[in-house]
Amino acid sequence: MIEHGPQKTAIMLDVNGLTQYVEIEPRRTLLDTLRIDLGLTGAKLVCNMGNCGACTVLVDGVAVYSCLTLAIECEGKRITTIEGLSEEGSLHPLQQAFVQHDALQCGFCTPGQVLAAHALLERNPQPTEAEVVEGMSGNLCRCGAYRGIVEAVLTAAKEQAVTSKPGSGKTA
């Protein structure tokens, strides 16, 4: 294992499928690295204590609070931010479901909500309503759009099931 001292260290991160080289202090959070060094501002700094989920990103497919994760810990891992979820300029089906169900008001928590939902559907493709509520419990919405968020996740799960059925002509 390579030891890193207090001085800035060059690391390589895989962010949204692109290799990014940054020189950071080992104490720098993934959130600060994404927002300040790489200009990816989808993940939001709100509580800075891992309480709200606005900074949620995926690291190797697992939802993590980027305000509590050191960037240096993510070297060699696949990081996905909200900016990397859409494909070829089109909304990801989960993002589309959030729009369809008005699962946002101010939108500040939405990137973290969408990525937490994505991780939930990866581990449980057909959750019940109770499983969605429990699975999204680490992400707060100060506007109270919870009903729309739950409906959006359930709709995305149904759509995912339709697109992955053999003979549907669609691919997931």
C-alpha atoms as a PDB file:
ATOM      1  CA  MET A   1       0.000   0.000   0.000  1.00  0.00           C
ATOM      2  CA  ILE A   2       1.286   3.438  -0.882  1.00  0.00           C
ATOM      3  CA  GLU A   3       1.653   5.793   2.062  1.00  0.00           C
ATOM      4  CA  HIS A   4       0.456   9.344   1.561  1.00  0.00           C
ATOM      5  CA  GLY A   5       1.760  12.175   3.692  1.00  0.00           C
ATOM      6  CA  PRO A   6       0.184  15.501   4.577  1.00  0.00           C
ATOM      7  CA  GLN A   7       1.407  17.162   1.380  1.00  0.00           C
ATOM      8  CA  LYS A   8      -0.621  17.154  -1.814  1.00  0.00           C
ATOM      9  CA  THR A   9      -0.661  13.814  -3.569  1.00  0.00           C
ATOM     10  CA  ALA A  10      -1.516  13.016  -7.180  1.00  0.00           C
ATOM     11  CA  ILE A  11      -4.320  10.474  -7.488  1.00  0.00           C
ATOM     12  CA  MET A  12      -6.302   9.036 -10.351  1.00  0.00           C
ATOM     13  CA  LEU A  13     -10.085   8.773 -10.067  1.00  0.00           C
ATOM     14  CA  ASP A  14     -12.582   7.072 -12.385  1.00  0.00           C
ATOM     15  CA  VAL A  15     -15.459   9.550 -12.411  1.00  0.00           C
ATOM     16  CA  ASN A  16     -18.422   8.893 -14.694  1.00  0.00           C
ATOM     17  CA  GLY A  17     -16.270   6.625 -16.842  1.00  0.00           C
ATOM     18  CA  LEU A  18     -13.518   9.199 -17.336  1.00  0.00           C
ATOM     19  CA  THR A  19     -10.068   9.027 -15.807  1.00  0.00           C
ATOM     20  CA  GLN A  20      -9.430  12.180 -13.790  1.00  0.00           C
ATOM     21  CA  TYR A  21      -6.069  13.137 -12.323  1.00  0.00           C
ATOM     22  CA  VAL A  22      -6.094  15.444  -9.314  1.00  0.00           C
ATOM     23  CA  GLU A  23      -3.496  16.626  -6.858  1.00  0.00           C
ATOM     24  CA  ILE A  24      -5.053  16.885  -3.423  1.00  0.00           C
ATOM     25  CA  GLU A  25      -4.247  16.755   0.249  1.00  0.00           C
ATOM     26  CA  PRO A  26      -5.054  13.268   1.592  1.00  0.00           C
ATOM     27  CA  ARG A  27      -7.638  14.809   3.963  1.00  0.00           C
ATOM     28  CA  ARG A  28      -9.755  16.229   1.108  1.00  0.00           C
ATOM     29  CA  THR A  29     -13.251  14.816   0.868  1.00  0.00           C
ATOM     30  CA  LEU A  30     -14.661  13.274  -2.255  1.00  0.00           C
ATOM     31  CA  LEU A  31     -17.358  15.967  -2.232  1.00  0.00           C
ATOM     32  CA  ASP A  32     -14.808  18.795  -2.301  1.00  0.00           C
ATOM     33  CA  THR A  33     -12.758  17.017  -4.953  1.00  0.00           C
ATOM     34  CA  LEU A  34     -15.804  16.539  -7.181  1.00  0.00           C
ATOM     35  CA  ARG A  35     -17.167  20.056  -6.744  1.00  0.00           C
ATOM     36  CA  ILE A  36     -14.007  22.170  -6.489  1.00  0.00           C
ATOM     37  CA  ASP A  37     -11.349  20.247  -8.392  1.00  0.00           C
ATOM     38  CA  LEU A  38     -13.495  18.608 -11.072  1.00  0.00           C
ATOM     39  CA  GLY A  39     -16.373  21.109 -11.399  1.00  0.00           C
ATOM     40  CA  LEU A  40     -19.069  18.463 -10.877  1.00  0.00           C
ATOM     41  CA  THR A  41     -21.575  20.343  -8.745  1.00  0.00           C
ATOM     42  CA  GLY A  42     -24.497  17.900  -8.720  1.00  0.00           C
ATOM     43  CA  ALA A  43     -23.587  16.555  -5.282  1.00  0.00           C
ATOM     44  CA  LYS A  44     -24.439  19.261  -2.769  1.00  0.00           C
ATOM     45  CA  LEU A  45     -22.762  20.372   0.443  1.00  0.00           C
ATOM     46  CA  VAL A  46     -25.509  20.750   3.031  1.00  0.00           C
ATOM     47  CA  CYS A  47     -24.905  19.263   6.469  1.00  0.00           C
ATOM     48  CA  ASN A  48     -21.284  18.124   5.973  1.00  0.00           C
ATOM     49  CA  MET A  49     -21.958  15.447   8.607  1.00  0.00           C
ATOM     50  CA  GLY A  50     -23.576  12.569   6.686  1.00  0.00           C
ATOM     51  CA  ASN A  51     -27.070  13.359   7.931  1.00  0.00           C
ATOM     52  CA  CYS A  52     -28.946  14.601   4.875  1.00  0.00           C
ATOM     53  CA  GLY A  53     -27.780  12.672   1.807  1.00  0.00           C
ATOM     54  CA  ALA A  54     -27.572  15.688  -0.524  1.00  0.00           C
ATOM     55  CA  CYS A  55     -23.966  14.734  -1.292  1.00  0.00           C
ATOM     56  CA  THR A  56     -24.767  11.121  -2.224  1.00  0.00           C
ATOM     57  CA  VAL A  57     -22.748   9.618  -5.079  1.00  0.00           C
ATOM     58  CA  LEU A  58     -22.118   6.022  -6.104  1.00  0.00           C
ATOM     59  CA  VAL A  59     -18.765   4.379  -5.423  1.00  0.00           C
ATOM     60  CA  ASP A  60     -18.584   0.988  -7.104  1.00  0.00           C
ATOM     61  CA  GLY A  61     -22.383   1.098  -7.266  1.00  0.00           C
ATOM     62  CA  VAL A  62     -22.872   1.739  -3.550  1.00  0.00           C
ATOM     63  CA  ALA A  63     -24.480   4.992  -2.383  1.00  0.00           C
ATOM     64  CA  VAL A  64     -22.073   6.914  -0.151  1.00  0.00           C
ATOM     65  CA  TYR A  65     -22.082  10.307   1.491  1.00  0.00           C
ATOM     66  CA  SER A  66     -19.279  12.060  -0.353  1.00  0.00           C
ATOM     67  CA  CYS A  67     -18.895  14.594   2.479  1.00  0.00           C
ATOM     68  CA  LEU A  68     -17.672  11.760   4.734  1.00  0.00           C
ATOM     69  CA  THR A  69     -15.590   9.918   2.152  1.00  0.00           C
ATOM     70  CA  LEU A  70     -11.981  10.817   1.489  1.00  0.00           C
ATOM     71  CA  ALA A  71     -11.199  11.178  -2.204  1.00  0.00           C
ATOM     72  CA  ILE A  72      -7.988   9.240  -1.752  1.00  0.00           C
ATOM     73  CA  GLU A  73     -10.053   6.223  -0.588  1.00  0.00           C
ATOM     74  CA  CYS A  74     -11.774   6.176  -3.963  1.00  0.00           C
ATOM     75  CA  GLU A  75      -8.668   5.716  -6.068  1.00  0.00           C
ATOM     76  CA  GLY A  76      -9.205   2.636  -8.223  1.00  0.00           C
ATOM     77  CA  LYS A  77     -12.972   2.662  -7.657  1.00  0.00           C
ATOM     78  CA  ARG A  78     -15.758   3.635 -10.051  1.00  0.00           C
ATOM     79  CA  ILE A  79     -17.437   6.894  -9.012  1.00  0.00           C
ATOM     80  CA  THR A  80     -20.779   7.917 -10.494  1.00  0.00           C
ATOM     81  CA  THR A  81     -22.265  11.359  -9.959  1.00  0.00           C
ATOM     82  CA  ILE A  82     -25.625  12.652 -11.146  1.00  0.00           C
ATOM     83  CA  GLU A  83     -23.823  14.166 -14.141  1.00  0.00           C
ATOM     84  CA  GLY A  84     -22.800  10.661 -15.234  1.00  0.00           C
ATOM     85  CA  LEU A  85     -26.190   9.001 -14.905  1.00  0.00           C
ATOM     86  CA  SER A  86     -27.791  10.241 -18.116  1.00  0.00           C
ATOM     87  CA  GLU A  87     -26.743   8.778 -21.421  1.00  0.00           C
ATOM     88  CA  GLU A  88     -26.153  10.747 -24.608  1.00  0.00           C
ATOM     89  CA  GLY A  89     -27.999  13.790 -23.275  1.00  0.00           C
ATOM     90  CA  SER A  90     -31.166  11.873 -22.383  1.00  0.00           C
ATOM     91  CA  LEU A  91     -32.458  11.562 -18.867  1.00  0.00           C
ATOM     92  CA  HIS A  92     -31.929   8.236 -17.152  1.00  0.00           C
ATOM     93  CA  PRO A  93     -35.309   6.464 -16.642  1.00  0.00           C
ATOM     94  CA  LEU A  94     -35.021   7.135 -12.917  1.00  0.00           C
ATOM     95  CA  GLN A  95     -34.507  10.855 -13.546  1.00  0.00           C
ATOM     96  CA  GLN A  96     -37.481  10.811 -15.917  1.00  0.00           C
ATOM     97  CA  ALA A  97     -39.628   9.128 -13.250  1.00  0.00           C
ATOM     98  CA  PHE A  98     -38.684  11.882 -10.781  1.00  0.00           C
ATOM     99  CA  VAL A  99     -39.895  14.481 -13.297  1.00  0.00           C
ATOM    100  CA  GLN A 100     -43.045  12.486 -14.114  1.00  0.00           C
ATOM    101  CA  HIS A 101     -44.030  12.187 -10.434  1.00  0.00           C
ATOM    102  CA  ASP A 102     -43.016  15.706  -9.451  1.00  0.00           C
ATOM    103  CA  ALA A 103     -40.576  14.161  -6.985  1.00  0.00           C
ATOM    104  CA  LEU A 104     -38.785  17.436  -6.456  1.00  0.00           C
ATOM    105  CA  GLN A 105     -39.593  20.936  -5.456  1.00  0.00           C
ATOM    106  CA  CYS A 106     -36.512  23.046  -4.910  1.00  0.00           C
ATOM    107  CA  GLY A 107     -34.390  20.256  -6.436  1.00  0.00           C
ATOM    108  CA  PHE A 108     -31.480  20.648  -4.052  1.00  0.00           C
ATOM    109  CA  CYS A 109     -31.700  17.097  -2.689  1.00  0.00           C
ATOM    110  CA  THR A 110     -32.701  15.535  -6.010  1.00  0.00           C
ATOM    111  CA  PRO A 111     -29.245  14.409  -7.242  1.00  0.00           C
ATOM    112  CA  GLY A 112     -28.615  12.564  -3.980  1.00  0.00           C
ATOM    113  CA  GLN A 113     -32.145  11.145  -3.976  1.00  0.00           C
ATOM    114  CA  VAL A 114     -31.791   9.852  -7.546  1.00  0.00           C
ATOM    115  CA  LEU A 115     -28.423   8.211  -6.877  1.00  0.00           C
ATOM    116  CA  ALA A 116     -29.660   6.638  -3.628  1.00  0.00           C
ATOM    117  CA  ALA A 117     -32.663   5.302  -5.560  1.00  0.00           C
ATOM    118  CA  HIS A 118     -30.364   3.971  -8.277  1.00  0.00           C
ATOM    119  CA  ALA A 119     -28.308   2.059  -5.707  1.00  0.00           C
ATOM    120  CA  LEU A 120     -31.509   0.748  -4.111  1.00  0.00           C
ATOM    121  CA  LEU A 121     -32.818  -0.560  -7.449  1.00  0.00           C
ATOM    122  CA  GLU A 122     -29.463  -2.167  -8.218  1.00  0.00           C
ATOM    123  CA  ARG A 123     -29.634  -4.233  -5.024  1.00  0.00           C
ATOM    124  CA  ASN A 124     -33.416  -4.717  -5.094  1.00  0.00           C
ATOM    125  CA  PRO A 125     -34.862  -4.310  -8.616  1.00  0.00           C
ATOM    126  CA  GLN A 126     -38.487  -4.774  -7.518  1.00  0.00           C
ATOM    127  CA  PRO A 127     -38.856  -3.205  -4.072  1.00  0.00           C
ATOM    128  CA  THR A 128     -42.110  -2.867  -2.205  1.00  0.00           C
ATOM    129  CA  GLU A 129     -43.264   0.570  -1.118  1.00  0.00           C
ATOM    130  CA  ALA A 130     -42.019  -0.140   2.415  1.00  0.00           C
ATOM    131  CA  GLU A 131     -38.617  -1.189   1.043  1.00  0.00           C
ATOM    132  CA  VAL A 132     -38.384   2.046  -0.949  1.00  0.00           C
ATOM    133  CA  VAL A 133     -39.218   4.112   2.135  1.00  0.00           C
ATOM    134  CA  GLU A 134     -36.589   2.249   4.158  1.00  0.00           C
ATOM    135  CA  GLY A 135     -34.024   2.283   1.347  1.00  0.00           C
ATOM    136  CA  MET A 136     -34.343   6.045   0.859  1.00  0.00           C
ATOM    137  CA  SER A 137     -34.364   6.863   4.582  1.00  0.00           C
ATOM    138  CA  GLY A 138     -30.828   8.303   4.564  1.00  0.00           C
ATOM    139  CA  ASN A 139     -31.805  11.087   2.175  1.00  0.00           C
ATOM    140  CA  LEU A 140     -33.782  14.056   3.449  1.00  0.00           C
ATOM    141  CA  CYS A 141     -36.058  16.358   1.448  1.00  0.00           C
ATOM    142  CA  ARG A 142     -36.740  19.605   3.230  1.00  0.00           C
ATOM    143  CA  CYS A 143     -39.575  20.400   0.820  1.00  0.00           C
ATOM    144  CA  GLY A 144     -41.381  17.182   1.725  1.00  0.00           C
ATOM    145  CA  ALA A 145     -41.630  15.607  -1.741  1.00  0.00           C
ATOM    146  CA  TYR A 146     -41.440  12.123  -0.227  1.00  0.00           C
ATOM    147  CA  ARG A 147     -44.684  10.797  -1.762  1.00  0.00           C
ATOM    148  CA  GLY A 148     -43.472  11.732  -5.245  1.00  0.00           C
ATOM    149  CA  ILE A 149     -40.027  10.262  -4.563  1.00  0.00           C
ATOM    150  CA  VAL A 150     -41.484   6.916  -3.512  1.00  0.00           C
ATOM    151  CA  GLU A 151     -43.808   6.861  -6.540  1.00  0.00           C
ATOM    152  CA  ALA A 152     -40.897   7.745  -8.840  1.00  0.00           C
ATOM    153  CA  VAL A 153     -38.766   4.886  -7.526  1.00  0.00           C
ATOM    154  CA  LEU A 154     -41.648   2.405  -7.825  1.00  0.00           C
ATOM    155  CA  THR A 155     -42.357   3.581 -11.380  1.00  0.00           C
ATOM    156  CA  ALA A 156     -38.694   3.275 -12.355  1.00  0.00           C
ATOM    157  CA  ALA A 157     -38.642  -0.248 -10.905  1.00  0.00           C
ATOM    158  CA  LYS A 158     -41.705  -1.206 -12.988  1.00  0.00           C
ATOM    159  CA  GLU A 159     -40.180   0.342 -16.127  1.00  0.00           C
ATOM    160  CA  GLN A 160     -36.917  -1.466 -15.449  1.00  0.00           C
ATOM    161  CA  ALA A 161     -38.813  -4.764 -15.170  1.00  0.00           C
ATOM    162  CA  VAL A 162     -40.559  -4.119 -18.504  1.00  0.00           C
ATOM    163  CA  THR A 163     -37.372  -3.185 -20.356  1.00  0.00           C
ATOM    164  CA  SER A 164     -35.463  -6.192 -19.077  1.00  0.00           C
ATOM    165  CA  LYS A 165     -38.086  -8.823 -19.962  1.00  0.00           C
ATOM    166  CA  PRO A 166     -37.026 -11.226 -22.710  1.00  0.00           C
ATOM    167  CA  GLY A 167     -38.719 -10.422 -26.004  1.00  0.00           C
ATOM    168  CA  SER A 168     -39.614  -6.854 -24.996  1.00  0.00           C
ATOM    169  CA  GLY A 169     -37.299  -5.500 -27.680  1.00  0.00           C
ATOM    170  CA  LYS A 170     -35.742  -3.216 -25.102  1.00  0.00           C
ATOM    171  CA  THR A 171     -32.582  -3.559 -23.094  1.00  0.00           C
ATOM    172  CA  ALA A 172     -31.975  -2.364 -19.600  1.00  0.00           C
END
